[in-house]
């Protein structure tokens, strides 16, 4: 520990004040704005807007935090931006209509869902080389990867399946039927359980990874909101496995779920048409993209409440945070 930091922490303790929160950067893709909004987590303000390809959706950050990957869905490519300057460095051969993607545990390769082509494309990001094209169900979107990187899961919206793929052989090893229009797949940090959201079905399927069986389904009921408006999409689970957060689409809520008992603890009102979610690396804050209200809601994870709304670009969809 640096001496300066130790003195600052000691001074803070003597004054009865908390140490300052870690500073991170959050990136939001604006689907109709063809841009990325850059948010500083210390000030909770937009510090920049970067141009991208057309209809940006999925977004993720390289393991070293130096590059930002953006699905330019209508341009059939993945743009790679420099996080220091916002400039596009290169584009990757993603396959048609990339929707979502996920990086391997070591930062390479990149696994991309190609919605219009019913396939998953595996890309070596350093060589810009397609390593494999894996046929999956109709309208693939959600992409989850086990913590050890051995199992990739893709959800196909029209086939209503979670496809389990061996990342060594690039072969499907199992297909699990879930409810209608699955949009997102999220592994727990221990790799034992997979959560899959079903937008039209209105549920979360809890899948045992070893047996590949659905062991439980979570449903949602919000007073004054019709069942048809409750459409689960993005899912995020805390590293300690105690809480899960679920974006509920046009219900304009994020559900807080006890990840041990699978009971819904509360519903947090956010902006309109909430799509995706992302924690800061320390998991103290959670950001939701609200497509219809063109803003981002900031959730204090420990307190379980929304602390701020931040205006961004047109139709915000994807969100990711820096790892550093």
Foldseek 3Di string as FASTA:
>chain_A
DDPVVVVVCVVCVVVVHDDQDDWWWKWWDFQQVQWIFIAIPRVRATPDIAHHAHRWFAWEAAPQRQWIWIQNQCVQWIWIAGPVPSHTPDIANFGHRWHYWDAALNRDDIWTDHQCPQWIWTAGVVVSDTPDIAHHDHRWAAWEAANVRQWIWIAHQQVQWTFTAGPVVRYTPDIAHDDHGWAYWYAANVRQWIWIFHFQRQWIFIAGPVVRYGPDIAHDDDPPDDSRQFGWHAKDADNVQQWMWTDGFQVQWIWIAGRVVRHTDDTEHHAGGWAYWEAALVRQWMWIFHQPVQWIWIAGVVVGYTDDIYHDDHGTHYMYMGND
